């Protein structure tokens, strides 16, 4: 069985002195990513590895999660940055089958689209939100529309 943790990067600055790719997390974003890491840990939702967009805000979010969940360094995948739905599906389908539980740290609208594509569940995926989807397959390449079940969902806005 494969499990996919979808993670939208935490809140980032909207300062025009940065390019979109270089936008860092706000202080609140760092706090929210830390909160979500601790929430995941308290629910024993710990992926084997994180795959992240290489943008500053997603990489920083992934690093906070990795540190708090005692994970190895996240793997950067350039395809995730600014990816459309089909690119994200292809990226997930190419994940290494040696991993049964992978976290994907990315951007909206892609993360929200993946949640809906795999589960049919339409949710507000605000910055820092995480969604756990489970699939009854042994190979990542078999994941497709409507084949997943949303088993856990949380955002920093939840109390």
N, C-alpha and C. Protein backbone atom coordinates (compact mmCIF):
# COMPACT_ATOMS: atom_id res chain seq x y z
N UNK A 1 0.84 -1.18 0.00
CA UNK A 1 0.00 0.00 0.00
C UNK A 1 0.89 1.25 0.00
N UNK A 2 0.57 2.20 -0.86
CA UNK A 2 1.31 3.46 -0.93
C UNK A 2 0.54 4.55 -0.18
N UNK A 3 1.32 5.41 0.47
CA UNK A 3 0.75 6.56 1.16
C UNK A 3 1.47 7.81 0.66
N UNK A 4 0.67 8.84 0.38
CA UNK A 4 1.19 10.10 -0.12
C UNK A 4 0.76 11.22 0.82
N UNK A 5 1.73 11.95 1.32
CA UNK A 5 1.44 13.11 2.15
C UNK A 5 1.63 14.35 1.28
N UNK A 6 0.54 15.04 0.98
CA UNK A 6 0.63 16.27 0.22
C UNK A 6 0.81 17.42 1.20
N UNK A 7 1.80 18.27 0.94
CA UNK A 7 2.09 19.39 1.83
C UNK A 7 2.19 20.66 0.99
N UNK A 8 1.38 21.65 1.33
CA UNK A 8 1.55 22.96 0.70
C UNK A 8 2.54 23.75 1.55
N UNK A 9 3.48 24.41 0.91
CA UNK A 9 4.46 25.20 1.67
C UNK A 9 3.75 26.15 2.62
N UNK A 10 4.45 26.50 3.69
CA UNK A 10 3.90 27.43 4.68
C UNK A 10 3.92 28.86 4.12
N UNK A 11 3.36 29.79 4.89
CA UNK A 11 3.22 31.18 4.45
C UNK A 11 4.57 31.80 4.09
N UNK A 12 4.59 32.44 2.92
CA UNK A 12 5.80 33.09 2.42
C UNK A 12 5.58 34.59 2.29
N UNK A 13 6.67 35.34 2.24
CA UNK A 13 6.58 36.79 2.07
C UNK A 13 6.09 37.10 0.66
N UNK A 14 5.42 38.23 0.53
CA UNK A 14 4.95 38.70 -0.78
C UNK A 14 5.64 40.03 -1.07
N UNK A 15 6.94 40.03 -1.01
CA UNK A 15 7.77 41.21 -1.20
C UNK A 15 8.28 41.22 -2.63
N UNK A 16 8.04 42.32 -3.35
CA UNK A 16 8.42 42.38 -4.77
C UNK A 16 9.94 42.43 -4.98
N UNK A 17 10.71 42.57 -3.91
CA UNK A 17 12.17 42.55 -4.08
C UNK A 17 12.68 41.13 -4.30
N UNK A 18 11.83 40.13 -4.10
CA UNK A 18 12.19 38.73 -4.34
C UNK A 18 11.52 38.24 -5.62
N UNK A 19 12.20 37.38 -6.37
CA UNK A 19 11.51 36.68 -7.45
C UNK A 19 10.59 35.66 -6.79
N UNK A 20 9.62 35.14 -7.51
CA UNK A 20 8.71 34.15 -6.93
C UNK A 20 9.48 32.97 -6.38
N UNK A 21 10.46 32.50 -7.12
CA UNK A 21 11.25 31.32 -6.72
C UNK A 21 12.01 31.56 -5.42
N UNK A 22 12.43 32.81 -5.18
CA UNK A 22 13.29 33.14 -4.04
C UNK A 22 12.53 33.59 -2.80
N UNK A 23 11.20 33.60 -2.83
CA UNK A 23 10.44 34.08 -1.68
C UNK A 23 10.66 33.19 -0.46
N UNK A 24 11.13 33.77 0.66
CA UNK A 24 11.32 32.98 1.88
C UNK A 24 10.03 32.87 2.68
N UNK A 25 10.07 32.01 3.68
CA UNK A 25 8.93 31.90 4.59
C UNK A 25 8.85 33.13 5.48
N UNK A 26 7.63 33.54 5.81
CA UNK A 26 7.42 34.55 6.84
C UNK A 26 7.75 33.90 8.18
N UNK A 27 7.91 34.73 9.21
CA UNK A 27 8.10 34.18 10.57
C UNK A 27 6.91 33.28 10.92
N UNK A 28 5.70 33.72 10.57
CA UNK A 28 4.48 32.94 10.82
C UNK A 28 4.54 31.61 10.06
N UNK A 29 5.13 31.62 8.85
CA UNK A 29 5.28 30.40 8.07
C UNK A 29 6.18 29.39 8.75
N UNK A 30 7.27 29.88 9.34
CA UNK A 30 8.18 29.00 10.08
C UNK A 30 7.44 28.40 11.28
N UNK A 31 6.70 29.24 12.00
CA UNK A 31 5.91 28.76 13.14
C UNK A 31 4.89 27.71 12.70
N UNK A 32 4.18 28.00 11.59
CA UNK A 32 3.15 27.07 11.10
C UNK A 32 3.75 25.74 10.65
N UNK A 33 4.89 25.79 9.95
CA UNK A 33 5.53 24.55 9.50
C UNK A 33 5.97 23.72 10.71
N UNK A 34 6.47 24.39 11.74
CA UNK A 34 6.87 23.69 12.96
C UNK A 34 5.66 23.07 13.65
N UNK A 35 4.57 23.82 13.73
CA UNK A 35 3.32 23.32 14.30
C UNK A 35 2.85 22.07 13.55
N UNK A 36 2.86 22.14 12.22
CA UNK A 36 2.39 21.01 11.42
C UNK A 36 3.30 19.80 11.58
N UNK A 37 4.60 20.04 11.68
CA UNK A 37 5.54 18.93 11.89
C UNK A 37 5.24 18.23 13.21
N UNK A 38 5.00 19.02 14.25
CA UNK A 38 4.68 18.44 15.56
C UNK A 38 3.33 17.73 15.54
N UNK A 39 2.38 18.29 14.80
CA UNK A 39 1.06 17.65 14.68
C UNK A 39 1.20 16.30 13.95
N UNK A 40 1.97 16.27 12.87
CA UNK A 40 2.20 15.01 12.15
C UNK A 40 2.86 13.99 13.09
N UNK A 41 3.87 14.44 13.82
CA UNK A 41 4.60 13.55 14.73
C UNK A 41 3.65 12.98 15.80
N UNK A 42 2.79 13.83 16.35
CA UNK A 42 1.88 13.38 17.42
C UNK A 42 0.85 12.36 16.91
N UNK A 43 0.59 12.37 15.60
CA UNK A 43 -0.34 11.41 14.99
C UNK A 43 0.41 10.24 14.32
N UNK A 44 1.72 10.19 14.54
CA UNK A 44 2.57 9.14 13.94
C UNK A 44 2.44 9.08 12.42
N UNK A 45 2.32 10.26 11.80
CA UNK A 45 2.26 10.37 10.34
C UNK A 45 3.64 10.85 9.89
N UNK A 46 4.51 9.89 9.60
CA UNK A 46 5.90 10.21 9.31
C UNK A 46 6.32 9.51 8.02
N UNK A 47 6.42 10.28 6.93
CA UNK A 47 6.85 9.67 5.67
C UNK A 47 8.30 9.20 5.74
N UNK A 48 8.67 8.34 4.82
CA UNK A 48 10.05 7.87 4.77
C UNK A 48 10.97 8.94 4.22
N UNK A 49 10.43 9.76 3.31
CA UNK A 49 11.23 10.80 2.66
C UNK A 49 10.30 11.89 2.14
N UNK A 50 10.84 13.09 1.97
CA UNK A 50 10.11 14.19 1.38
C UNK A 50 10.71 14.52 0.02
N UNK A 51 9.85 14.80 -0.94
CA UNK A 51 10.26 15.29 -2.25
C UNK A 51 9.69 16.69 -2.37
N UNK A 52 10.54 17.66 -2.69
CA UNK A 52 10.10 19.06 -2.65
C UNK A 52 10.48 19.83 -3.91
N UNK A 53 9.68 20.84 -4.16
CA UNK A 53 10.05 21.84 -5.15
C UNK A 53 11.31 22.53 -4.63
N UNK A 54 12.21 22.95 -5.52
CA UNK A 54 13.44 23.60 -5.05
C UNK A 54 13.28 25.08 -4.68
N UNK A 55 12.07 25.63 -4.76
CA UNK A 55 11.92 27.05 -4.39
C UNK A 55 12.27 27.23 -2.92
N UNK A 56 12.66 28.43 -2.56
CA UNK A 56 13.11 28.72 -1.19
C UNK A 56 12.04 28.36 -0.16
N UNK A 57 10.78 28.75 -0.41
CA UNK A 57 9.71 28.54 0.58
C UNK A 57 9.35 27.07 0.74
N UNK A 58 9.36 26.30 -0.35
CA UNK A 58 9.03 24.87 -0.23
C UNK A 58 10.19 24.11 0.40
N UNK A 59 11.41 24.46 0.01
CA UNK A 59 12.58 23.78 0.57
C UNK A 59 12.67 24.06 2.07
N UNK A 60 12.39 25.30 2.48
CA UNK A 60 12.42 25.64 3.91
C UNK A 60 11.34 24.87 4.67
N UNK A 61 10.15 24.77 4.09
CA UNK A 61 9.07 23.99 4.72
C UNK A 61 9.49 22.54 4.86
N UNK A 62 10.05 21.97 3.80
CA UNK A 62 10.51 20.57 3.83
C UNK A 62 11.60 20.37 4.87
N UNK A 63 12.52 21.33 4.98
CA UNK A 63 13.60 21.20 5.96
C UNK A 63 13.08 21.22 7.39
N UNK A 64 12.10 22.06 7.66
CA UNK A 64 11.51 22.09 9.01
C UNK A 64 10.84 20.76 9.31
N UNK A 65 10.07 20.24 8.37
CA UNK A 65 9.43 18.93 8.57
C UNK A 65 10.48 17.84 8.77
N UNK A 66 11.50 17.84 7.93
CA UNK A 66 12.55 16.80 8.02
C UNK A 66 13.23 16.82 9.38
N UNK A 67 13.55 18.02 9.86
CA UNK A 67 14.22 18.13 11.16
C UNK A 67 13.35 17.61 12.29
N UNK A 68 12.09 18.01 12.32
CA UNK A 68 11.20 17.64 13.42
C UNK A 68 10.77 16.18 13.35
N UNK A 69 10.76 15.60 12.15
CA UNK A 69 10.33 14.21 12.00
C UNK A 69 11.52 13.25 11.86
N UNK A 70 12.73 13.79 12.02
CA UNK A 70 13.97 13.00 11.92
C UNK A 70 14.06 12.25 10.60
N UNK A 71 13.81 12.96 9.51
CA UNK A 71 13.87 12.39 8.17
C UNK A 71 15.20 12.74 7.51
N UNK A 72 15.58 11.96 6.50
CA UNK A 72 16.77 12.34 5.74
C UNK A 72 16.52 13.63 4.97
N UNK A 73 17.59 14.23 4.46
CA UNK A 73 17.46 15.45 3.64
C UNK A 73 16.44 15.21 2.54
N UNK A 74 15.58 16.19 2.32
CA UNK A 74 14.56 16.04 1.29
C UNK A 74 15.20 16.04 -0.11
N UNK A 75 14.50 15.41 -1.04
CA UNK A 75 14.95 15.36 -2.42
C UNK A 75 14.29 16.48 -3.19
N UNK A 76 15.07 17.31 -3.85
CA UNK A 76 14.50 18.38 -4.66
C UNK A 76 14.18 17.87 -6.05
N UNK A 77 13.02 18.27 -6.55
CA UNK A 77 12.61 17.90 -7.90
C UNK A 77 12.11 19.16 -8.60
N UNK A 78 12.87 19.62 -9.59
CA UNK A 78 12.56 20.87 -10.29
C UNK A 78 11.21 20.84 -10.98
N UNK A 79 10.71 19.66 -11.33
CA UNK A 79 9.43 19.55 -12.03
C UNK A 79 8.26 20.03 -11.17
N UNK A 80 8.42 19.99 -9.85
CA UNK A 80 7.32 20.34 -8.94
C UNK A 80 7.05 21.84 -8.94
N UNK A 81 8.10 22.66 -9.12
CA UNK A 81 7.91 24.11 -9.11
C UNK A 81 7.09 24.51 -10.32
N UNK A 82 6.00 25.23 -10.09
CA UNK A 82 5.14 25.75 -11.15
C UNK A 82 4.54 24.63 -12.01
N UNK A 83 4.36 23.45 -11.42
CA UNK A 83 3.86 22.29 -12.18
C UNK A 83 2.35 22.32 -12.31
N UNK A 84 1.88 21.91 -13.48
CA UNK A 84 0.46 21.69 -13.69
C UNK A 84 0.08 20.30 -13.20
N UNK A 85 -1.19 20.00 -13.27
CA UNK A 85 -1.70 18.73 -12.75
C UNK A 85 -1.02 17.52 -13.39
N UNK A 86 -0.91 17.48 -14.70
CA UNK A 86 -0.34 16.30 -15.36
C UNK A 86 1.13 16.11 -15.00
N UNK A 87 1.87 17.19 -14.88
CA UNK A 87 3.29 17.09 -14.49
C UNK A 87 3.41 16.50 -13.09
N UNK A 88 2.54 16.94 -12.17
CA UNK A 88 2.57 16.40 -10.81
C UNK A 88 2.19 14.92 -10.79
N UNK A 89 1.18 14.55 -11.55
CA UNK A 89 0.78 13.13 -11.63
C UNK A 89 1.96 12.31 -12.15
N UNK A 90 2.59 12.78 -13.22
CA UNK A 90 3.74 12.05 -13.78
C UNK A 90 4.88 11.94 -12.78
N UNK A 91 5.14 13.01 -12.05
CA UNK A 91 6.20 13.01 -11.04
C UNK A 91 5.92 11.98 -9.95
N UNK A 92 4.69 11.95 -9.46
CA UNK A 92 4.30 10.98 -8.42
C UNK A 92 4.38 9.56 -8.98
N UNK A 93 3.91 9.36 -10.20
CA UNK A 93 3.95 8.03 -10.81
C UNK A 93 5.38 7.52 -10.99
N UNK A 94 6.36 8.43 -11.01
CA UNK A 94 7.77 8.05 -11.18
C UNK A 94 8.50 7.87 -9.85
N UNK A 95 7.82 8.05 -8.71
CA UNK A 95 8.48 7.85 -7.42
C UNK A 95 9.05 6.44 -7.34
N UNK A 96 10.13 6.30 -6.59
CA UNK A 96 10.81 5.02 -6.41
C UNK A 96 9.96 4.10 -5.53
N UNK A 97 9.65 2.90 -6.05
CA UNK A 97 8.79 1.95 -5.33
C UNK A 97 9.41 1.41 -4.04
N UNK A 98 10.69 1.69 -3.80
CA UNK A 98 11.28 1.24 -2.53
C UNK A 98 10.69 2.02 -1.35
N UNK A 99 10.05 3.15 -1.65
CA UNK A 99 9.38 3.94 -0.62
C UNK A 99 7.88 3.67 -0.68
N UNK A 100 7.28 3.37 0.47
CA UNK A 100 5.84 3.17 0.54
C UNK A 100 5.11 4.42 1.02
N UNK A 101 5.85 5.37 1.62
CA UNK A 101 5.23 6.57 2.16
C UNK A 101 6.13 7.77 1.85
N UNK A 102 5.66 8.62 0.94
CA UNK A 102 6.43 9.79 0.50
C UNK A 102 5.61 11.06 0.74
N UNK A 103 6.29 12.10 1.18
CA UNK A 103 5.67 13.41 1.31
C UNK A 103 6.08 14.27 0.14
N UNK A 104 5.12 14.94 -0.49
CA UNK A 104 5.36 15.85 -1.60
C UNK A 104 5.10 17.27 -1.12
N UNK A 105 6.14 18.10 -1.11
CA UNK A 105 6.01 19.48 -0.65
C UNK A 105 6.00 20.38 -1.88
N UNK A 106 4.86 21.05 -2.09
CA UNK A 106 4.73 21.85 -3.30
C UNK A 106 3.88 23.08 -3.11
N UNK A 107 3.27 23.49 -4.20
CA UNK A 107 2.57 24.77 -4.31
C UNK A 107 1.12 24.54 -4.70
N UNK A 108 0.29 25.55 -4.44
CA UNK A 108 -1.04 25.56 -5.02
C UNK A 108 -0.98 26.31 -6.34
N UNK A 109 -1.82 26.00 -7.30
CA UNK A 109 -3.00 25.14 -7.17
C UNK A 109 -2.69 23.64 -7.25
N UNK A 110 -1.46 23.26 -7.54
CA UNK A 110 -1.13 21.85 -7.75
C UNK A 110 -1.46 20.91 -6.61
N UNK A 111 -1.15 21.31 -5.37
CA UNK A 111 -1.42 20.42 -4.23
C UNK A 111 -2.92 20.19 -4.10
N UNK A 112 -3.71 21.25 -4.19
CA UNK A 112 -5.17 21.10 -4.13
C UNK A 112 -5.70 20.26 -5.28
N UNK A 113 -5.13 20.43 -6.47
CA UNK A 113 -5.55 19.63 -7.63
C UNK A 113 -5.24 18.15 -7.41
N UNK A 114 -4.09 17.85 -6.82
CA UNK A 114 -3.72 16.45 -6.58
C UNK A 114 -4.67 15.81 -5.56
N UNK A 115 -5.00 16.57 -4.52
CA UNK A 115 -5.94 16.07 -3.52
C UNK A 115 -7.27 15.72 -4.18
N UNK A 116 -7.79 16.62 -5.00
CA UNK A 116 -9.06 16.37 -5.68
C UNK A 116 -8.95 15.25 -6.71
N UNK A 117 -7.87 15.25 -7.48
CA UNK A 117 -7.68 14.24 -8.52
C UNK A 117 -7.67 12.82 -7.93
N UNK A 118 -6.91 12.64 -6.86
CA UNK A 118 -6.75 11.29 -6.30
C UNK A 118 -7.93 10.86 -5.43
N UNK A 119 -8.63 11.82 -4.80
CA UNK A 119 -9.66 11.44 -3.82
C UNK A 119 -11.07 11.93 -4.17
N UNK A 120 -11.18 12.91 -5.04
CA UNK A 120 -12.48 13.52 -5.32
C UNK A 120 -12.92 14.47 -4.22
N UNK A 121 -12.04 14.72 -3.25
CA UNK A 121 -12.34 15.56 -2.10
C UNK A 121 -11.84 16.99 -2.37
N UNK A 122 -12.75 17.94 -2.45
CA UNK A 122 -12.40 19.33 -2.70
C UNK A 122 -12.24 20.04 -1.36
N UNK A 123 -11.04 20.54 -1.09
CA UNK A 123 -10.76 21.21 0.18
C UNK A 123 -10.02 22.51 -0.06
N UNK A 124 -10.12 23.41 0.92
CA UNK A 124 -9.30 24.61 0.92
C UNK A 124 -7.92 24.21 1.42
N UNK A 125 -6.93 24.33 0.55
CA UNK A 125 -5.57 23.94 0.91
C UNK A 125 -4.77 25.22 1.14
N UNK A 126 -4.91 25.78 2.33
CA UNK A 126 -4.22 27.02 2.68
C UNK A 126 -2.74 26.72 2.95
N UNK A 127 -1.89 27.76 3.01
CA UNK A 127 -0.47 27.52 3.26
C UNK A 127 -0.23 26.69 4.53
N UNK A 128 0.65 25.70 4.40
CA UNK A 128 0.99 24.84 5.53
C UNK A 128 0.10 23.61 5.69
N UNK A 129 -0.93 23.49 4.88
CA UNK A 129 -1.86 22.37 4.98
C UNK A 129 -1.19 21.06 4.58
N UNK A 130 -1.59 19.98 5.25
CA UNK A 130 -1.11 18.63 4.92
C UNK A 130 -2.31 17.71 4.73
N UNK A 131 -2.19 16.78 3.79
CA UNK A 131 -3.26 15.82 3.51
C UNK A 131 -2.63 14.45 3.28
N UNK A 132 -3.10 13.45 3.99
CA UNK A 132 -2.61 12.08 3.84
C UNK A 132 -3.59 11.29 2.99
N UNK A 133 -3.07 10.73 1.90
CA UNK A 133 -3.88 9.93 0.99
C UNK A 133 -3.29 8.52 0.95
N UNK A 134 -4.17 7.52 1.08
CA UNK A 134 -3.73 6.13 1.02
C UNK A 134 -4.28 5.46 -0.22
N UNK A 135 -3.46 4.59 -0.81
CA UNK A 135 -3.78 3.89 -2.05
C UNK A 135 -3.57 2.39 -1.85
N UNK A 136 -4.39 1.59 -2.45
CA UNK A 136 -4.28 0.14 -2.34
C UNK A 136 -3.38 -0.47 -3.40
N UNK A 137 -2.28 0.19 -3.70
CA UNK A 137 -1.36 -0.28 -4.73
C UNK A 137 0.04 -0.44 -4.16
N UNK A 138 0.83 -1.27 -4.82
CA UNK A 138 2.23 -1.47 -4.43
C UNK A 138 3.18 -0.68 -5.32
N UNK A 139 2.66 -0.08 -6.38
CA UNK A 139 3.50 0.67 -7.32
C UNK A 139 2.96 2.09 -7.51
N UNK A 140 3.85 3.07 -7.43
CA UNK A 140 3.46 4.46 -7.61
C UNK A 140 2.86 4.70 -8.99
N UNK A 141 3.33 3.97 -9.99
CA UNK A 141 2.86 4.20 -11.36
C UNK A 141 1.38 3.88 -11.53
N UNK A 142 0.78 3.16 -10.58
CA UNK A 142 -0.63 2.78 -10.67
C UNK A 142 -1.58 3.83 -10.10
N UNK A 143 -1.03 4.84 -9.40
CA UNK A 143 -1.89 5.87 -8.82
C UNK A 143 -2.51 6.70 -9.94
N UNK A 144 -3.82 6.85 -9.89
CA UNK A 144 -4.53 7.63 -10.90
C UNK A 144 -5.77 8.24 -10.26
N UNK A 145 -6.53 8.95 -11.07
CA UNK A 145 -7.71 9.66 -10.58
C UNK A 145 -8.68 8.76 -9.84
N UNK A 146 -9.08 9.21 -8.67
CA UNK A 146 -10.10 8.51 -7.89
C UNK A 146 -9.64 7.23 -7.20
N UNK A 147 -8.33 6.96 -7.17
CA UNK A 147 -7.85 5.70 -6.59
C UNK A 147 -7.40 5.84 -5.14
N UNK A 148 -7.42 7.06 -4.60
CA UNK A 148 -6.94 7.27 -3.24
C UNK A 148 -8.05 7.60 -2.26
N UNK A 149 -7.73 7.42 -0.98
CA UNK A 149 -8.65 7.75 0.11
C UNK A 149 -7.98 8.76 1.02
N UNK A 150 -8.63 9.90 1.23
CA UNK A 150 -8.11 10.89 2.16
C UNK A 150 -8.33 10.36 3.57
N UNK A 151 -7.24 10.13 4.31
CA UNK A 151 -7.36 9.56 5.65
C UNK A 151 -7.03 10.56 6.76
N UNK A 152 -6.40 11.68 6.42
CA UNK A 152 -6.08 12.68 7.44
C UNK A 152 -5.85 14.00 6.74
N UNK A 153 -6.36 15.09 7.31
CA UNK A 153 -6.24 16.42 6.73
C UNK A 153 -6.11 17.41 7.86
N UNK A 154 -5.15 18.33 7.74
CA UNK A 154 -4.99 19.33 8.79
C UNK A 154 -4.31 20.56 8.22
N UNK A 155 -4.66 21.71 8.77
CA UNK A 155 -4.00 22.96 8.37
C UNK A 155 -3.64 23.73 9.64
N UNK A 156 -2.72 24.68 9.51
CA UNK A 156 -2.36 25.48 10.69
C UNK A 156 -3.55 26.22 11.29
N UNK A 157 -4.60 26.43 10.50
CA UNK A 157 -5.79 27.13 10.99
C UNK A 157 -6.62 26.27 11.95
N UNK A 158 -6.42 24.94 11.90
CA UNK A 158 -7.16 24.04 12.80
C UNK A 158 -6.65 24.21 14.23
N UNK A 159 -7.54 24.13 15.16
CA UNK A 159 -7.11 24.26 16.57
C UNK A 159 -7.22 22.94 17.29
